[in-house]
Amino acid sequence: MTHDRRPPATFAGVRRIIATLRGPDGCPWDRVQTHQSLAPYLLEETHETLEALDSGDAGKLCEELGDLLFEVLIQVQLAEEAGEFTMRDVVAGINDKLLRRHPHVFGDAVAETPEAVVEQWDELKAGERPGGLALAGIPPSLPALIQAQSMQRRAARAGFSYESLDQVWQAVEEELSELRQAQNPAERRDEAGDAMFALANLARELGVDAEDALLSTARRFANQFGTMEEILEEKQVDLRQAPIEQKLALWEEAKARRDSRL
């Protein structure tokens, strides 16, 4: 492709670039890709977009949304080449879905609060699921905590939930007690899963996104552990040989140093 024939920086231009990459004289890597081989990149770009969103960096978010858009468009390109569906089908599908699920805007339904909109949305989605099953359609590839809270949220809206927050806390305590009493690897695995599922439900009841909460904690841990490693190097301390009291003191020192940098 010569410089003066480059597609314009438009939606149609991007689609033309992707079609060229997939063409006979295009990119050897792009030409051999399939829906399945591109799936990991779609997931990776989704996570990078979410990370950019969390960072509050508008420029980074703009860049990552572009990368994510490419993953969507190349999937559409593959489908068009195989005669599966077209971009027109994709646009028509989301157009119809948005109209169908917003009858309070495009129809005669009434939903004057965000909560009412969510309730209406869930009712409409329930009618679209196979057999009307509450848990049908939750992608098994979702991260475990997101999947757990999605199941719990749907089950609660179907009427299966505790009557009070105290009961939710009690369920967590019971699961942790059972985990403590587990005797073998199989029991520990099952009871650990039950305990985490109960904690995810508690987080949901408290209005906390469990996946986001754990990711945030993991990031803070990594940051603080890195700071502690700096201190270990300064003091020439071998963490593996240090008694637990010193380890805890070093951890608190790292926390104080990290906080002073914020």
Protein backbone atom coordinates (compact mmCIF):
# COMPACT_ATOMS: atom_id res chain seq x y z
CA MET A 1 0.00 0.00 0.00
CA THR A 2 1.59 3.27 -1.08
CA HIS A 3 1.49 6.32 1.14
CA ASP A 4 -0.95 8.30 -1.03
CA ARG A 5 -3.40 5.37 -1.11
CA ARG A 6 -3.66 4.89 2.63
CA PRO A 7 -7.25 4.60 3.81
CA PRO A 8 -8.60 7.64 5.67
CA ALA A 9 -8.83 7.69 9.46
CA THR A 10 -12.51 6.75 9.45
CA PHE A 11 -14.52 3.71 10.45
CA ALA A 12 -14.68 2.62 6.82
CA GLY A 13 -10.95 3.23 6.52
CA VAL A 14 -10.16 0.97 9.46
CA ARG A 15 -12.35 -1.76 7.98
CA ARG A 16 -10.49 -1.41 4.68
CA ILE A 17 -7.13 -1.74 6.46
CA ILE A 18 -8.26 -4.93 8.19
CA ALA A 19 -9.57 -6.38 4.93
CA THR A 20 -6.21 -5.58 3.30
CA LEU A 21 -4.30 -7.24 6.14
CA ARG A 22 -6.39 -10.37 5.59
CA GLY A 23 -6.01 -10.22 1.80
CA PRO A 24 -3.65 -12.19 -0.46
CA ASP A 25 -0.95 -9.49 -0.29
CA GLY A 26 -1.60 -8.65 3.35
CA CYS A 27 0.08 -9.62 6.61
CA PRO A 28 1.17 -13.29 6.95
CA TRP A 29 0.16 -13.29 10.63
CA ASP A 30 -3.28 -11.72 10.14
CA ARG A 31 -4.08 -14.02 7.21
CA VAL A 32 -3.82 -17.21 9.28
CA GLN A 33 -5.89 -16.08 12.26
CA THR A 34 -9.23 -17.64 13.22
CA HIS A 35 -12.01 -16.70 15.62
CA GLN A 36 -10.48 -19.05 18.18
CA SER A 37 -6.85 -17.98 17.75
CA LEU A 38 -7.83 -14.33 18.27
CA ALA A 39 -9.88 -15.01 21.40
CA PRO A 40 -6.94 -14.53 23.84
CA TYR A 41 -6.16 -11.13 22.29
CA LEU A 42 -9.79 -10.06 22.66
CA LEU A 43 -9.62 -10.94 26.36
CA GLU A 44 -6.23 -9.27 26.79
CA GLU A 45 -7.35 -6.05 25.13
CA THR A 46 -10.50 -6.03 27.26
CA HIS A 47 -8.42 -6.20 30.43
CA GLU A 48 -6.02 -3.53 29.17
CA THR A 49 -9.00 -1.29 28.42
CA LEU A 50 -10.34 -1.81 31.94
CA GLU A 51 -6.90 -1.03 33.37
CA ALA A 52 -6.76 2.20 31.36
CA LEU A 53 -10.24 3.05 32.60
CA ASP A 54 -9.13 2.57 36.20
CA SER A 55 -6.04 4.72 35.64
CA GLY A 56 -8.11 7.78 34.76
CA ASP A 57 -5.76 8.46 31.82
CA ALA A 58 -8.06 9.57 28.99
CA GLY A 59 -5.32 9.27 26.38
CA LYS A 60 -4.51 5.71 27.39
CA LEU A 61 -8.20 4.82 27.45
CA CYS A 62 -8.62 6.22 23.93
CA GLU A 63 -5.71 4.10 22.71
CA GLU A 64 -6.96 0.92 24.38
CA LEU A 65 -10.49 1.39 23.06
CA GLY A 66 -8.94 1.54 19.59
CA ASP A 67 -7.13 -1.74 20.21
CA LEU A 68 -10.34 -3.31 21.48
CA LEU A 69 -12.23 -2.03 18.45
CA PHE A 70 -9.66 -3.71 16.19
CA GLU A 71 -10.32 -7.04 17.92
CA VAL A 72 -14.05 -6.64 17.31
CA LEU A 73 -13.60 -5.61 13.69
CA ILE A 74 -11.22 -8.39 12.77
CA GLN A 75 -13.68 -10.92 14.24
CA VAL A 76 -16.36 -9.40 12.00
CA GLN A 77 -13.98 -9.57 9.02
CA LEU A 78 -13.42 -13.29 9.61
CA ALA A 79 -17.17 -13.85 9.83
CA GLU A 80 -17.81 -11.98 6.59
CA GLU A 81 -15.16 -14.00 4.79
CA ALA A 82 -16.77 -17.23 6.01
CA GLY A 83 -20.28 -16.06 5.14
CA GLU A 84 -21.38 -16.29 8.80
CA PHE A 85 -22.64 -12.73 9.27
CA THR A 86 -21.76 -9.17 8.25
CA MET A 87 -21.11 -5.86 9.96
CA ARG A 88 -24.62 -4.86 8.95
CA ASP A 89 -25.93 -7.86 10.92
CA VAL A 90 -23.88 -6.89 13.98
CA VAL A 91 -25.13 -3.29 13.89
CA ALA A 92 -28.72 -4.37 13.27
CA GLY A 93 -28.54 -6.81 16.16
CA ILE A 94 -27.33 -4.31 18.73
CA ASN A 95 -29.72 -1.69 17.36
CA ASP A 96 -32.70 -4.02 17.86
CA LYS A 97 -31.50 -5.09 21.31
CA LEU A 98 -31.06 -1.52 22.56
CA LEU A 99 -34.52 -0.57 21.34
CA ARG A 100 -36.07 -3.73 22.80
CA ARG A 101 -34.43 -3.34 26.21
CA HIS A 102 -35.24 0.37 26.57
CA PRO A 103 -39.03 0.45 26.22
CA HIS A 104 -39.11 3.29 28.76
CA VAL A 105 -37.27 5.45 26.21
CA PHE A 106 -38.48 4.09 22.86
CA GLY A 107 -41.85 2.71 23.94
CA ASP A 108 -44.66 3.15 26.45
CA ALA A 109 -43.05 1.53 29.51
CA VAL A 110 -42.23 3.59 32.60
CA ALA A 111 -38.94 3.37 34.52
CA GLU A 112 -38.02 6.58 36.30
CA THR A 113 -35.10 5.39 38.45
CA PRO A 114 -31.90 3.45 37.72
CA GLU A 115 -33.20 0.64 39.96
CA ALA A 116 -36.45 0.42 37.98
CA VAL A 117 -34.46 0.29 34.74
CA VAL A 118 -32.32 -2.59 36.05
CA GLU A 119 -35.42 -4.52 37.18
CA GLN A 120 -37.05 -4.02 33.79
CA TRP A 121 -33.82 -4.98 32.00
CA ASP A 122 -33.59 -8.22 33.98
CA GLU A 123 -37.19 -9.11 33.21
CA LEU A 124 -36.62 -8.55 29.51
CA LYS A 125 -33.39 -10.57 29.52
CA ALA A 126 -35.10 -13.38 31.45
CA GLY A 127 -37.68 -13.65 28.69
CA GLU A 128 -34.89 -14.03 26.12
CA ARG A 129 -33.10 -16.87 27.91
CA PRO A 130 -33.65 -20.50 26.84
CA GLY A 131 -36.60 -21.80 28.84
CA GLY A 132 -36.55 -18.64 30.96
CA LEU A 133 -33.87 -20.22 33.20
CA ALA A 134 -32.39 -17.66 35.59
CA LEU A 135 -28.77 -18.78 35.25
CA ALA A 136 -28.78 -19.54 31.53
CA GLY A 137 -26.35 -17.63 29.37
CA ILE A 138 -23.71 -16.73 31.97
CA PRO A 139 -20.42 -17.21 30.07
CA PRO A 140 -18.33 -19.96 31.72
CA SER A 141 -15.18 -18.10 30.64
CA LEU A 142 -15.90 -15.20 33.01
CA PRO A 143 -13.43 -14.74 35.88
CA ALA A 144 -14.61 -16.82 38.83
CA LEU A 145 -15.63 -13.93 41.08
CA ILE A 146 -17.56 -12.18 38.31
CA GLN A 147 -19.26 -15.46 37.42
CA ALA A 148 -20.16 -16.11 41.06
CA GLN A 149 -21.68 -12.68 41.58
CA SER A 150 -23.57 -12.89 38.30
CA MET A 151 -25.12 -16.17 39.41
CA GLN A 152 -25.93 -14.80 42.86
CA ARG A 153 -27.45 -11.63 41.45
CA ARG A 154 -29.70 -13.57 39.08
CA ALA A 155 -30.66 -16.08 41.76
CA ALA A 156 -31.57 -13.24 44.12
CA ARG A 157 -33.74 -11.57 41.50
CA ALA A 158 -35.46 -14.91 40.94
CA GLY A 159 -36.30 -14.96 44.68
CA PHE A 160 -33.46 -17.12 46.04
CA SER A 161 -31.60 -15.00 48.59
CA TYR A 162 -31.14 -14.46 52.32
CA GLU A 163 -33.60 -12.26 54.16
CA SER A 164 -31.04 -10.16 55.98
CA LEU A 165 -27.40 -9.11 55.88
CA ASP A 166 -26.85 -10.86 59.21
CA GLN A 167 -27.76 -14.16 57.56
CA VAL A 168 -25.23 -13.50 54.81
CA TRP A 169 -22.53 -12.84 57.42
CA GLN A 170 -23.53 -16.04 59.22
CA ALA A 171 -23.19 -18.02 55.99
CA VAL A 172 -19.66 -16.68 55.52
CA GLU A 173 -18.70 -17.60 59.08
CA GLU A 174 -20.14 -21.11 58.66
CA GLU A 175 -18.22 -21.68 55.44
CA LEU A 176 -14.97 -20.48 57.00
CA SER A 177 -15.55 -22.82 59.95
CA GLU A 178 -16.09 -25.73 57.57
CA LEU A 179 -12.91 -24.81 55.68
CA ARG A 180 -10.97 -24.83 58.94
CA GLN A 181 -12.25 -28.35 59.65
CA ALA A 182 -11.52 -29.77 56.17
CA GLN A 183 -9.34 -32.88 56.45
CA ASN A 184 -7.98 -33.64 52.97
CA PRO A 185 -7.13 -31.85 49.70
CA ALA A 186 -10.51 -32.57 48.09
CA GLU A 187 -12.40 -31.24 51.11
CA ARG A 188 -10.16 -28.17 51.35
CA ARG A 189 -10.75 -27.41 47.67
CA ASP A 190 -14.52 -27.68 48.01
CA GLU A 191 -14.71 -25.77 51.27
CA ALA A 192 -12.36 -23.04 50.02
CA GLY A 193 -14.62 -22.65 46.99
CA ASP A 194 -17.71 -22.48 49.20
CA ALA A 195 -16.07 -19.87 51.42
CA MET A 196 -15.05 -17.69 48.48
CA PHE A 197 -18.52 -18.04 46.95
CA ALA A 198 -20.05 -16.91 50.26
CA LEU A 199 -17.63 -13.98 50.46
CA ALA A 200 -18.53 -12.97 46.90
CA ASN A 201 -22.19 -13.01 47.91
CA LEU A 202 -21.44 -10.88 50.96
CA ALA A 203 -19.56 -8.40 48.77
CA ARG A 204 -22.56 -8.27 46.41
CA GLU A 205 -24.91 -7.59 49.31
CA LEU A 206 -22.59 -4.79 50.44
CA GLY A 207 -22.59 -3.29 46.95
CA VAL A 208 -18.97 -4.26 46.26
CA ASP A 209 -17.70 -5.70 42.98
CA ALA A 210 -15.72 -8.71 44.24
CA GLU A 211 -13.46 -8.94 41.19
CA ASP A 212 -12.57 -5.25 41.37
CA ALA A 213 -12.01 -5.43 45.12
CA LEU A 214 -9.64 -8.39 44.89
CA LEU A 215 -7.73 -6.86 41.97
CA SER A 216 -7.34 -3.63 43.92
CA THR A 217 -6.01 -5.53 46.94
CA ALA A 218 -3.63 -7.55 44.75
CA ARG A 219 -2.23 -4.35 43.23
CA ARG A 220 -1.73 -2.80 46.67
CA PHE A 221 -0.04 -5.97 47.88
CA ALA A 222 2.33 -6.01 44.90
CA ASN A 223 3.18 -2.34 45.42
CA GLN A 224 3.80 -2.76 49.14
CA PHE A 225 5.77 -5.98 48.68
CA GLY A 226 8.00 -4.20 46.18
CA THR A 227 8.60 -1.45 48.73
CA MET A 228 9.44 -4.06 51.36
CA GLU A 229 11.97 -5.61 49.01
CA GLU A 230 13.64 -2.20 48.75
CA ILE A 231 13.89 -2.09 52.55
CA LEU A 232 15.23 -5.64 52.69
CA GLU A 233 17.99 -4.69 50.27
CA GLU A 234 18.82 -1.54 52.22
CA LYS A 235 19.02 -3.45 55.50
CA GLN A 236 20.58 -6.56 53.93
CA VAL A 237 17.94 -8.80 55.47
CA ASP A 238 17.09 -12.26 54.12
CA LEU A 239 13.32 -12.49 54.33
CA ARG A 240 13.41 -16.28 54.36
CA GLN A 241 15.56 -16.25 57.52
CA ALA A 242 13.76 -13.46 59.39
CA PRO A 243 11.46 -14.33 62.31
CA ILE A 244 7.76 -13.58 61.87
CA GLU A 245 7.91 -10.57 64.19
CA GLN A 246 10.55 -8.94 61.98
CA LYS A 247 8.60 -9.77 58.84
CA LEU A 248 5.51 -8.08 60.21
CA ALA A 249 7.55 -5.05 61.28
CA LEU A 250 9.10 -4.82 57.81
CA TRP A 251 5.63 -5.06 56.28
CA GLU A 252 4.38 -2.16 58.40
CA GLU A 253 7.47 -0.13 57.53
CA ALA A 254 6.84 -0.76 53.85
CA LYS A 255 3.23 0.33 54.28
CA ALA A 256 4.30 3.56 55.97
CA ARG A 257 6.87 4.28 53.23
CA ARG A 258 4.36 3.52 50.50
CA ASP A 259 1.75 5.78 52.10
CA SER A 260 4.28 8.61 52.37
CA ARG A 261 4.77 8.44 48.59
CA LEU A 262 1.08 8.84 47.81
